[in-house]
Amino acid sequence: MKEIEFRQWLSNKNVSKKMQSDFVSRLKRFERAIEACDIDEQYHKDGFKYLFSLFDNKGLNDNMNRYNKANLPIGTYQLSTFKYALNKYKLFLDDTKSKPE
C-alpha cells in the first residue's frame, strides 16, 4: 500500500487525520487477514474485482470462506467499513493513475 501518498491524497480531500488513520489501519488489517495480499498488486490485476467479491453477503460467501482464519468481522455490518476503506483506496489509485507523473 502506498500509505504516505494515500494519506496525502486524503488530506487534500479534507479527510481528518483520525479518518486517515482508520482507513490505513483497516487496509493493513485487511491485507494481513487475506493471507498477506498486496492490494496494489490486486488493483493492477483486476481493479479490486476479486477483493470486492469478498464482501458479498457481508463476507458470508465462498470466496471469503477460503480465508477461514481471517480476523475480520465477517457476517456483521462492521465488515462494510473495510469495504469502504478499500473503495477509498481504489478512488485514490484511480485518481493518481489518471494524472501524469
PDB file of N, CA and C in Angstrom:
ATOM      1  N   MET A   1       0.841  -1.174   0.000  1.00  0.00           N
ATOM      2  CA  MET A   1       0.000   0.000   0.000  1.00  0.00           C
ATOM      3  C   MET A   1       0.892   1.244   0.000  1.00  0.00           C
ATOM      4  N   LYS A   2       0.451   2.205  -0.752  1.00  0.00           N
ATOM      5  CA  LYS A   2       1.172   3.474  -0.828  1.00  0.00           C
ATOM      6  C   LYS A   2       0.635   4.394   0.276  1.00  0.00           C
ATOM      7  N   GLU A   3       1.024   4.070   1.498  1.00  0.00           N
ATOM      8  CA  GLU A   3       0.428   4.731   2.666  1.00  0.00           C
ATOM      9  C   GLU A   3       0.644   6.241   2.686  1.00  0.00           C
ATOM     10  N   ILE A   4       1.852   6.685   2.477  1.00  0.00           N
ATOM     11  CA  ILE A   4       2.143   8.127   2.562  1.00  0.00           C
ATOM     12  C   ILE A   4       1.366   8.898   1.499  1.00  0.00           C
ATOM     13  N   GLU A   5       1.389   8.387   0.270  1.00  0.00           N
ATOM     14  CA  GLU A   5       0.674   9.049  -0.821  1.00  0.00           C
ATOM     15  C   GLU A   5      -0.835   9.035  -0.577  1.00  0.00           C
ATOM     16  N   PHE A   6      -1.331   7.921  -0.041  1.00  0.00           N
ATOM     17  CA  PHE A   6      -2.761   7.800   0.255  1.00  0.00           C
ATOM     18  C   PHE A   6      -3.164   8.805   1.329  1.00  0.00           C
ATOM     19  N   ARG A   7      -2.366   8.898   2.386  1.00  0.00           N
ATOM     20  CA  ARG A   7      -2.664   9.872   3.441  1.00  0.00           C
ATOM     21  C   ARG A   7      -2.659  11.303   2.885  1.00  0.00           C
ATOM     22  N   GLN A   8      -1.703  11.609   2.020  1.00  0.00           N
ATOM     23  CA  GLN A   8      -1.633  12.945   1.423  1.00  0.00           C
ATOM     24  C   GLN A   8      -2.863  13.206   0.565  1.00  0.00           C
ATOM     25  N   TRP A   9      -3.258  12.216  -0.211  1.00  0.00           N
ATOM     26  CA  TRP A   9      -4.443  12.342  -1.058  1.00  0.00           C
ATOM     27  C   TRP A   9      -5.681  12.588  -0.199  1.00  0.00           C
ATOM     28  N   LEU A  10      -5.812  11.826   0.889  1.00  0.00           N
ATOM     29  CA  LEU A  10      -6.951  12.014   1.800  1.00  0.00           C
ATOM     30  C   LEU A  10      -6.917  13.404   2.421  1.00  0.00           C
ATOM     31  N   SER A  11      -5.738  13.849   2.814  1.00  0.00           N
ATOM     32  CA  SER A  11      -5.585  15.176   3.399  1.00  0.00           C
ATOM     33  C   SER A  11      -6.026  16.247   2.404  1.00  0.00           C
ATOM     34  N   ASN A  12      -5.649  16.078   1.145  1.00  0.00           N
ATOM     35  CA  ASN A  12      -6.066  17.018   0.095  1.00  0.00           C
ATOM     36  C   ASN A  12      -7.570  17.017  -0.112  1.00  0.00           C
ATOM     37  N   LYS A  13      -8.226  15.911   0.284  1.00  0.00           N
ATOM     38  CA  LYS A  13      -9.690  15.795   0.185  1.00  0.00           C
ATOM     39  C   LYS A  13     -10.365  16.228   1.487  1.00  0.00           C
ATOM     40  N   ASN A  14      -9.580  16.851   2.381  1.00  0.00           N
ATOM     41  CA  ASN A  14     -10.068  17.344   3.674  1.00  0.00           C
ATOM     42  C   ASN A  14     -10.597  16.243   4.587  1.00  0.00           C
ATOM     43  N   VAL A  15      -9.971  15.074   4.531  1.00  0.00           N
ATOM     44  CA  VAL A  15     -10.312  13.981   5.429  1.00  0.00           C
ATOM     45  C   VAL A  15      -9.474  14.159   6.697  1.00  0.00           C
ATOM     46  N   SER A  16     -10.113  14.050   7.846  1.00  0.00           N
ATOM     47  CA  SER A  16      -9.424  14.259   9.122  1.00  0.00           C
ATOM     48  C   SER A  16      -8.312  13.232   9.338  1.00  0.00           C
ATOM     49  N   LYS A  17      -7.356  13.594  10.170  1.00  0.00           N
ATOM     50  CA  LYS A  17      -6.242  12.687  10.497  1.00  0.00           C
ATOM     51  C   LYS A  17      -6.769  11.390  11.109  1.00  0.00           C
ATOM     52  N   LYS A  18      -7.807  11.487  11.922  1.00  0.00           N
ATOM     53  CA  LYS A  18      -8.402  10.301  12.558  1.00  0.00           C
ATOM     54  C   LYS A  18      -8.932   9.350  11.490  1.00  0.00           C
ATOM     55  N   MET A  19      -9.665   9.880  10.539  1.00  0.00           N
ATOM     56  CA  MET A  19     -10.219   9.036   9.474  1.00  0.00           C
ATOM     57  C   MET A  19      -9.102   8.477   8.592  1.00  0.00           C
ATOM     58  N   GLN A  20      -8.074   9.263   8.345  1.00  0.00           N
ATOM     59  CA  GLN A  20      -6.935   8.770   7.571  1.00  0.00           C
ATOM     60  C   GLN A  20      -6.338   7.549   8.263  1.00  0.00           C
ATOM     61  N   SER A  21      -6.135   7.659   9.565  1.00  0.00           N
ATOM     62  CA  SER A  21      -5.574   6.538  10.331  1.00  0.00           C
ATOM     63  C   SER A  21      -6.506   5.341  10.325  1.00  0.00           C
ATOM     64  N   ASP A  22      -7.810   5.586  10.426  1.00  0.00           N
ATOM     65  CA  ASP A  22      -8.783   4.491  10.388  1.00  0.00           C
ATOM     66  C   ASP A  22      -8.714   3.753   9.052  1.00  0.00           C
ATOM     67  N   PHE A  23      -8.679   4.503   7.959  1.00  0.00           N
ATOM     68  CA  PHE A  23      -8.610   3.870   6.634  1.00  0.00           C
ATOM     69  C   PHE A  23      -7.353   3.028   6.496  1.00  0.00           C
ATOM     70  N   VAL A  24      -6.219   3.597   6.858  1.00  0.00           N
ATOM     71  CA  VAL A  24      -4.939   2.882   6.720  1.00  0.00           C
ATOM     72  C   VAL A  24      -4.924   1.647   7.606  1.00  0.00           C
ATOM     73  N   SER A  25      -5.397   1.790   8.820  1.00  0.00           N
ATOM     74  CA  SER A  25      -5.426   0.663   9.757  1.00  0.00           C
ATOM     75  C   SER A  25      -6.295  -0.478   9.219  1.00  0.00           C
ATOM     76  N   ARG A  26      -7.461  -0.141   8.705  1.00  0.00           N
ATOM     77  CA  ARG A  26      -8.355  -1.172   8.152  1.00  0.00           C
ATOM     78  C   ARG A  26      -7.737  -1.856   6.943  1.00  0.00           C
ATOM     79  N   LEU A  27      -7.105  -1.083   6.085  1.00  0.00           N
ATOM     80  CA  LEU A  27      -6.482  -1.667   4.896  1.00  0.00           C
ATOM     81  C   LEU A  27      -5.332  -2.601   5.267  1.00  0.00           C
ATOM     82  N   LYS A  28      -4.533  -2.205   6.244  1.00  0.00           N
ATOM     83  CA  LYS A  28      -3.432  -3.065   6.689  1.00  0.00           C
ATOM     84  C   LYS A  28      -3.980  -4.353   7.301  1.00  0.00           C
ATOM     85  N   ARG A  29      -5.020  -4.226   8.110  1.00  0.00           N
ATOM     86  CA  ARG A  29      -5.632  -5.414   8.727  1.00  0.00           C
ATOM     87  C   ARG A  29      -6.224  -6.317   7.652  1.00  0.00           C
ATOM     88  N   PHE A  30      -6.851  -5.727   6.653  1.00  0.00           N
ATOM     89  CA  PHE A  30      -7.435  -6.497   5.562  1.00  0.00           C
ATOM     90  C   PHE A  30      -6.349  -7.237   4.787  1.00  0.00           C
ATOM     91  N   GLU A  31      -5.246  -6.560   4.494  1.00  0.00           N
ATOM     92  CA  GLU A  31      -4.138  -7.202   3.779  1.00  0.00           C
ATOM     93  C   GLU A  31      -3.607  -8.409   4.556  1.00  0.00           C
ATOM     94  N   ARG A  32      -3.464  -8.255   5.864  1.00  0.00           N
ATOM     95  CA  ARG A  32      -2.978  -9.377   6.694  1.00  0.00           C
ATOM     96  C   ARG A  32      -3.996 -10.515   6.734  1.00  0.00           C
ATOM     97  N   ALA A  33      -5.264 -10.175   6.869  1.00  0.00           N
ATOM     98  CA  ALA A  33      -6.314 -11.188   7.006  1.00  0.00           C
ATOM     99  C   ALA A  33      -6.480 -12.012   5.733  1.00  0.00           C
ATOM    100  N   ILE A  34      -6.268 -11.386   4.596  1.00  0.00           N
ATOM    101  CA  ILE A  34      -6.429 -12.091   3.324  1.00  0.00           C
ATOM    102  C   ILE A  34      -5.060 -12.636   2.912  1.00  0.00           C
ATOM    103  N   GLU A  35      -4.486 -13.384   3.822  1.00  0.00           N
ATOM    104  CA  GLU A  35      -3.223 -14.081   3.602  1.00  0.00           C
ATOM    105  C   GLU A  35      -2.153 -13.177   2.997  1.00  0.00           C
ATOM    106  N   ALA A  36      -1.955 -12.040   3.653  1.00  0.00           N
ATOM    107  CA  ALA A  36      -0.917 -11.083   3.269  1.00  0.00           C
ATOM    108  C   ALA A  36      -0.990 -10.681   1.796  1.00  0.00           C
ATOM    109  N   CYS A  37      -2.197 -10.404   1.328  1.00  0.00           N
ATOM    110  CA  CYS A  37      -2.336  -9.959  -0.064  1.00  0.00           C
ATOM    111  C   CYS A  37      -1.743  -8.562  -0.209  1.00  0.00           C
ATOM    112  N   ASP A  38      -1.355  -8.232  -1.403  1.00  0.00           N
ATOM    113  CA  ASP A  38      -0.832  -6.907  -1.737  1.00  0.00           C
ATOM    114  C   ASP A  38      -1.939  -6.188  -2.497  1.00  0.00           C
ATOM    115  N   ILE A  39      -2.569  -5.199  -1.860  1.00  0.00           N
ATOM    116  CA  ILE A  39      -3.711  -4.571  -2.512  1.00  0.00           C
ATOM    117  C   ILE A  39      -3.319  -3.804  -3.766  1.00  0.00           C
ATOM    118  N   ASP A  40      -2.100  -3.292  -3.820  1.00  0.00           N
ATOM    119  CA  ASP A  40      -1.664  -2.619  -5.049  1.00  0.00           C
ATOM    120  C   ASP A  40      -1.576  -3.613  -6.202  1.00  0.00           C
ATOM    121  N   GLU A  41      -1.070  -4.790  -5.914  1.00  0.00           N
ATOM    122  CA  GLU A  41      -0.978  -5.836  -6.934  1.00  0.00           C
ATOM    123  C   GLU A  41      -2.377  -6.269  -7.387  1.00  0.00           C
ATOM    124  N   GLN A  42      -3.293  -6.392  -6.428  1.00  0.00           N
ATOM    125  CA  GLN A  42      -4.670  -6.762  -6.766  1.00  0.00           C
ATOM    126  C   GLN A  42      -5.337  -5.693  -7.634  1.00  0.00           C
ATOM    127  N   TYR A  43      -5.038  -4.435  -7.365  1.00  0.00           N
ATOM    128  CA  TYR A  43      -5.602  -3.349  -8.171  1.00  0.00           C
ATOM    129  C   TYR A  43      -5.133  -3.470  -9.620  1.00  0.00           C
ATOM    130  N   HIS A  44      -3.859  -3.718  -9.802  1.00  0.00           N
ATOM    131  CA  HIS A  44      -3.318  -3.832 -11.160  1.00  0.00           C
ATOM    132  C   HIS A  44      -3.812  -5.100 -11.851  1.00  0.00           C
ATOM    133  N   LYS A  45      -4.102  -6.114 -11.062  1.00  0.00           N
ATOM    134  CA  LYS A  45      -4.554  -7.386 -11.616  1.00  0.00           C
ATOM    135  C   LYS A  45      -5.988  -7.305 -12.140  1.00  0.00           C
ATOM    136  N   ASP A  46      -6.918  -6.793 -11.294  1.00  0.00           N
ATOM    137  CA  ASP A  46      -8.327  -6.800 -11.710  1.00  0.00           C
ATOM    138  C   ASP A  46      -9.141  -5.612 -11.192  1.00  0.00           C
ATOM    139  N   GLY A  47      -8.449  -4.555 -10.759  1.00  0.00           N
ATOM    140  CA  GLY A  47      -9.170  -3.373 -10.283  1.00  0.00           C
ATOM    141  C   GLY A  47      -9.979  -3.622  -9.017  1.00  0.00           C
ATOM    142  N   PHE A  48      -9.551  -4.579  -8.198  1.00  0.00           N
ATOM    143  CA  PHE A  48     -10.191  -4.965  -6.936  1.00  0.00           C
ATOM    144  C   PHE A  48     -11.473  -5.782  -7.126  1.00  0.00           C
ATOM    145  N   LYS A  49     -11.724  -6.244  -8.333  1.00  0.00           N
ATOM    146  CA  LYS A  49     -12.941  -7.028  -8.562  1.00  0.00           C
ATOM    147  C   LYS A  49     -13.009  -8.215  -7.594  1.00  0.00           C
ATOM    148  N   TYR A  50     -11.911  -8.960  -7.484  1.00  0.00           N
ATOM    149  CA  TYR A  50     -11.900 -10.113  -6.587  1.00  0.00           C
ATOM    150  C   TYR A  50     -12.038  -9.678  -5.123  1.00  0.00           C
ATOM    151  N   LEU A  51     -11.277  -8.657  -4.722  1.00  0.00           N
ATOM    152  CA  LEU A  51     -11.346  -8.231  -3.325  1.00  0.00           C
ATOM    153  C   LEU A  51     -12.743  -7.744  -2.957  1.00  0.00           C
ATOM    154  N   PHE A  52     -13.403  -7.020  -3.850  1.00  0.00           N
ATOM    155  CA  PHE A  52     -14.769  -6.583  -3.564  1.00  0.00           C
ATOM    156  C   PHE A  52     -15.726  -7.769  -3.485  1.00  0.00           C
ATOM    157  N   SER A  53     -15.439  -8.855  -4.206  1.00  0.00           N
ATOM    158  CA  SER A  53     -16.314 -10.037  -4.146  1.00  0.00           C
ATOM    159  C   SER A  53     -16.287 -10.671  -2.752  1.00  0.00           C
ATOM    160  N   LEU A  54     -15.225 -10.440  -2.005  1.00  0.00           N
ATOM    161  CA  LEU A  54     -15.134 -10.988  -0.654  1.00  0.00           C
ATOM    162  C   LEU A  54     -16.189 -10.386   0.280  1.00  0.00           C
ATOM    163  N   PHE A  55     -16.689  -9.214  -0.057  1.00  0.00           N
ATOM    164  CA  PHE A  55     -17.655  -8.522   0.793  1.00  0.00           C
ATOM    165  C   PHE A  55     -19.104  -8.892   0.481  1.00  0.00           C
ATOM    166  N   ASP A  56     -19.342  -9.664  -0.578  1.00  0.00           N
ATOM    167  CA  ASP A  56     -20.712 -10.054  -0.914  1.00  0.00           C
ATOM    168  C   ASP A  56     -21.358 -10.763   0.269  1.00  0.00           C
ATOM    169  N   ASN A  57     -22.612 -10.440   0.518  1.00  0.00           N
ATOM    170  CA  ASN A  57     -23.383 -11.066   1.594  1.00  0.00           C
ATOM    171  C   ASN A  57     -22.654 -10.948   2.945  1.00  0.00           C
ATOM    172  N   LYS A  58     -22.096  -9.775   3.228  1.00  0.00           N
ATOM    173  CA  LYS A  58     -21.379  -9.496   4.477  1.00  0.00           C
ATOM    174  C   LYS A  58     -20.222 -10.467   4.726  1.00  0.00           C
ATOM    175  N   GLY A  59     -19.624 -10.934   3.646  1.00  0.00           N
ATOM    176  CA  GLY A  59     -18.478 -11.829   3.782  1.00  0.00           C
ATOM    177  C   GLY A  59     -18.849 -13.294   3.924  1.00  0.00           C
ATOM    178  N   LEU A  60     -20.133 -13.579   3.910  1.00  0.00           N
ATOM    179  CA  LEU A  60     -20.592 -14.962   4.019  1.00  0.00           C
ATOM    180  C   LEU A  60     -20.738 -15.528   2.609  1.00  0.00           C
ATOM    181  N   ASN A  61     -19.597 -15.862   2.000  1.00  0.00           N
ATOM    182  CA  ASN A  61     -19.590 -16.356   0.623  1.00  0.00           C
ATOM    183  C   ASN A  61     -18.399 -17.289   0.417  1.00  0.00           C
ATOM    184  N   ASP A  62     -18.398 -17.978  -0.707  1.00  0.00           N
ATOM    185  CA  ASP A  62     -17.357 -18.971  -0.986  1.00  0.00           C
ATOM    186  C   ASP A  62     -15.965 -18.351  -1.069  1.00  0.00           C
ATOM    187  N   ASN A  63     -15.860 -17.165  -1.666  1.00  0.00           N
ATOM    188  CA  ASN A  63     -14.537 -16.531  -1.779  1.00  0.00           C
ATOM    189  C   ASN A  63     -13.949 -16.225  -0.402  1.00  0.00           C
ATOM    190  N   MET A  64     -14.755 -15.675   0.504  1.00  0.00           N
ATOM    191  CA  MET A  64     -14.259 -15.355   1.841  1.00  0.00           C
ATOM    192  C   MET A  64     -13.997 -16.631   2.641  1.00  0.00           C
ATOM    193  N   ASN A  65     -14.746 -17.688   2.358  1.00  0.00           N
ATOM    194  CA  ASN A  65     -14.544 -18.954   3.069  1.00  0.00           C
ATOM    195  C   ASN A  65     -13.135 -19.508   2.872  1.00  0.00           C
ATOM    196  N   ARG A  66     -12.469 -19.114   1.806  1.00  0.00           N
ATOM    197  CA  ARG A  66     -11.089 -19.549   1.572  1.00  0.00           C
ATOM    198  C   ARG A  66     -10.150 -19.028   2.654  1.00  0.00           C
ATOM    199  N   TYR A  67     -10.577 -17.981   3.325  1.00  0.00           N
ATOM    200  CA  TYR A  67      -9.763 -17.354   4.368  1.00  0.00           C
ATOM    201  C   TYR A  67     -10.452 -17.563   5.716  1.00  0.00           C
ATOM    202  N   ASN A  68     -10.695 -18.822   6.052  1.00  0.00           N
ATOM    203  CA  ASN A  68     -11.485 -19.134   7.241  1.00  0.00           C
ATOM    204  C   ASN A  68     -10.863 -18.638   8.542  1.00  0.00           C
ATOM    205  N   LYS A  69      -9.615 -18.283   8.524  1.00  0.00           N
ATOM    206  CA  LYS A  69      -8.982 -17.752   9.734  1.00  0.00           C
ATOM    207  C   LYS A  69      -8.830 -16.233   9.672  1.00  0.00           C
ATOM    208  N   ALA A  70      -9.515 -15.630   8.724  1.00  0.00           N
ATOM    209  CA  ALA A  70      -9.421 -14.168   8.583  1.00  0.00           C
ATOM    210  C   ALA A  70      -9.942 -13.487   9.841  1.00  0.00           C
ATOM    211  N   ASN A  71      -9.152 -12.580  10.356  1.00  0.00           N
ATOM    212  CA  ASN A  71      -9.525 -11.839  11.551  1.00  0.00           C
ATOM    213  C   ASN A  71     -10.315 -10.596  11.128  1.00  0.00           C
ATOM    214  N   LEU A  72     -11.506 -10.837  10.610  1.00  0.00           N
ATOM    215  CA  LEU A  72     -12.380  -9.768  10.139  1.00  0.00           C
ATOM    216  C   LEU A  72     -13.776  -9.993  10.704  1.00  0.00           C
ATOM    217  N   PRO A  73     -14.571  -8.934  10.836  1.00  0.00           N
ATOM    218  CA  PRO A  73     -15.929  -9.092  11.374  1.00  0.00           C
ATOM    219  C   PRO A  73     -16.907  -9.650  10.317  1.00  0.00           C
ATOM    220  N   ILE A  74     -16.640 -10.866   9.875  1.00  0.00           N
ATOM    221  CA  ILE A  74     -17.450 -11.497   8.830  1.00  0.00           C
ATOM    222  C   ILE A  74     -18.868 -11.735   9.350  1.00  0.00           C
ATOM    223  N   GLY A  75     -19.830 -11.411   8.499  1.00  0.00           N
ATOM    224  CA  GLY A  75     -21.229 -11.590   8.858  1.00  0.00           C
ATOM    225  C   GLY A  75     -21.825 -10.431   9.624  1.00  0.00           C
ATOM    226  N   THR A  76     -21.054  -9.376   9.826  1.00  0.00           N
ATOM    227  CA  THR A  76     -21.555  -8.221  10.565  1.00  0.00           C
ATOM    228  C   THR A  76     -21.494  -6.964   9.693  1.00  0.00           C
ATOM    229  N   TYR A  77     -22.225  -5.977  10.139  1.00  0.00           N
ATOM    230  CA  TYR A  77     -22.240  -4.701   9.440  1.00  0.00           C
ATOM    231  C   TYR A  77     -20.846  -4.060   9.430  1.00  0.00           C
ATOM    232  N   GLN A  78     -20.048  -4.302  10.475  1.00  0.00           N
ATOM    233  CA  GLN A  78     -18.731  -3.686  10.577  1.00  0.00           C
ATOM    234  C   GLN A  78     -17.818  -4.056   9.420  1.00  0.00           C
ATOM    235  N   LEU A  79     -18.083  -5.174   8.758  1.00  0.00           N
ATOM    236  CA  LEU A  79     -17.261  -5.548   7.611  1.00  0.00           C
ATOM    237  C   LEU A  79     -17.334  -4.491   6.516  1.00  0.00           C
ATOM    238  N   SER A  80     -18.460  -3.786   6.444  1.00  0.00           N
ATOM    239  CA  SER A  80     -18.616  -2.752   5.409  1.00  0.00           C
ATOM    240  C   SER A  80     -17.617  -1.612   5.588  1.00  0.00           C
ATOM    241  N   THR A  81     -17.104  -1.402   6.799  1.00  0.00           N
ATOM    242  CA  THR A  81     -16.108  -0.347   6.995  1.00  0.00           C
ATOM    243  C   THR A  81     -14.803  -0.687   6.280  1.00  0.00           C
ATOM    244  N   PHE A  82     -14.512  -1.983   6.151  1.00  0.00           N
ATOM    245  CA  PHE A  82     -13.321  -2.409   5.415  1.00  0.00           C
ATOM    246  C   PHE A  82     -13.537  -2.207   3.915  1.00  0.00           C
ATOM    247  N   LYS A  83     -14.744  -2.493   3.459  1.00  0.00           N
ATOM    248  CA  LYS A  83     -15.065  -2.286   2.043  1.00  0.00           C
ATOM    249  C   LYS A  83     -14.997  -0.786   1.710  1.00  0.00           C
ATOM    250  N   TYR A  84     -15.481   0.038   2.614  1.00  0.00           N
ATOM    251  CA  TYR A  84     -15.447   1.482   2.412  1.00  0.00           C
ATOM    252  C   TYR A  84     -14.006   1.977   2.310  1.00  0.00           C
ATOM    253  N   ALA A  85     -13.135   1.473   3.186  1.00  0.00           N
ATOM    254  CA  ALA A  85     -11.714   1.863   3.145  1.00  0.00           C
ATOM    255  C   ALA A  85     -11.077   1.407   1.837  1.00  0.00           C
ATOM    256  N   LEU A  86     -11.409   0.194   1.404  1.00  0.00           N
ATOM    257  CA  LEU A  86     -10.868  -0.315   0.148  1.00  0.00           C
ATOM    258  C   LEU A  86     -11.370   0.518  -1.026  1.00  0.00           C
ATOM    259  N   ASN A  87     -12.612   0.933  -0.972  1.00  0.00           N
ATOM    260  CA  ASN A  87     -13.164   1.769  -2.031  1.00  0.00           C
ATOM    261  C   ASN A  87     -12.463   3.132  -2.079  1.00  0.00           C
ATOM    262  N   LYS A  88     -12.166   3.696  -0.908  1.00  0.00           N
ATOM    263  CA  LYS A  88     -11.424   4.972  -0.863  1.00  0.00           C
ATOM    264  C   LYS A  88     -10.036   4.791  -1.486  1.00  0.00           C
ATOM    265  N   TYR A  89      -9.400   3.664  -1.177  1.00  0.00           N
ATOM    266  CA  TYR A  89      -8.067   3.416  -1.730  1.00  0.00           C
ATOM    267  C   TYR A  89      -8.156   3.244  -3.244  1.00  0.00           C
ATOM    268  N   LYS A  90      -9.211   2.622  -3.724  1.00  0.00           N
ATOM    269  CA  LYS A  90      -9.411   2.461  -5.164  1.00  0.00           C
ATOM    270  C   LYS A  90      -9.580   3.834  -5.824  1.00  0.00           C
ATOM    271  N   LEU A  91     -10.351   4.713  -5.200  1.00  0.00           N
ATOM    272  CA  LEU A  91     -10.521   6.069  -5.737  1.00  0.00           C
ATOM    273  C   LEU A  91      -9.183   6.790  -5.808  1.00  0.00           C
ATOM    274  N   PHE A  92      -8.369   6.621  -4.769  1.00  0.00           N
ATOM    275  CA  PHE A  92      -7.023   7.206  -4.750  1.00  0.00           C
ATOM    276  C   PHE A  92      -6.191   6.665  -5.906  1.00  0.00           C
ATOM    277  N   LEU A  93      -6.185   5.348  -6.093  1.00  0.00           N
ATOM    278  CA  LEU A  93      -5.390   4.761  -7.170  1.00  0.00           C
ATOM    279  C   LEU A  93      -5.906   5.186  -8.541  1.00  0.00           C
ATOM    280  N   ASP A  94      -7.238   5.231  -8.691  1.00  0.00           N
ATOM    281  CA  ASP A  94      -7.822   5.689  -9.956  1.00  0.00           C
ATOM    282  C   ASP A  94      -7.406   7.129 -10.247  1.00  0.00           C
ATOM    283  N   ASP A  95      -7.462   7.958  -9.219  1.00  0.00           N
ATOM    284  CA  ASP A  95      -7.131   9.380  -9.361  1.00  0.00           C
ATOM    285  C   ASP A  95      -5.664   9.575  -9.711  1.00  0.00           C
ATOM    286  N   THR A  96      -4.779   8.881  -9.024  1.00  0.00           N
ATOM    287  CA  THR A  96      -3.354   9.054  -9.285  1.00  0.00           C
ATOM    288  C   THR A  96      -2.942   8.406 -10.594  1.00  0.00           C
ATOM    289  N   LYS A  97      -3.663   7.376 -10.998  1.00  0.00           N
ATOM    290  CA  LYS A  97      -3.374   6.712 -12.279  1.00  0.00           C
ATOM    291  C   LYS A  97      -3.686   7.640 -13.459  1.00  0.00           C
ATOM    292  N   SER A  98      -4.726   8.448 -13.298  1.00  0.00           N
ATOM    293  CA  SER A  98      -5.146   9.313 -14.396  1.00  0.00           C
ATOM    294  C   SER A  98      -4.300  10.582 -14.518  1.00  0.00           C
ATOM    295  N   LYS A  99      -3.493  10.866 -13.475  1.00  0.00           N
ATOM    296  CA  LYS A  99      -2.639  12.054 -13.526  1.00  0.00           C
ATOM    297  C   LYS A  99      -1.282  11.702 -14.121  1.00  0.00           C
ATOM    298  N   PRO A 100      -0.732  12.567 -14.935  1.00  0.00           N
ATOM    299  CA  PRO A 100       0.617  12.303 -15.464  1.00  0.00           C
ATOM    300  C   PRO A 100       1.649  12.397 -14.348  1.00  0.00           C
ATOM    301  N   GLU A 101       2.676  11.591 -14.452  1.00  0.00           N
ATOM    302  CA  GLU A 101       3.704  11.559 -13.409  1.00  0.00           C
ATOM    303  C   GLU A 101       4.806  12.542 -13.688  1.00  0.00           C
TER     304      GLU A 101
END
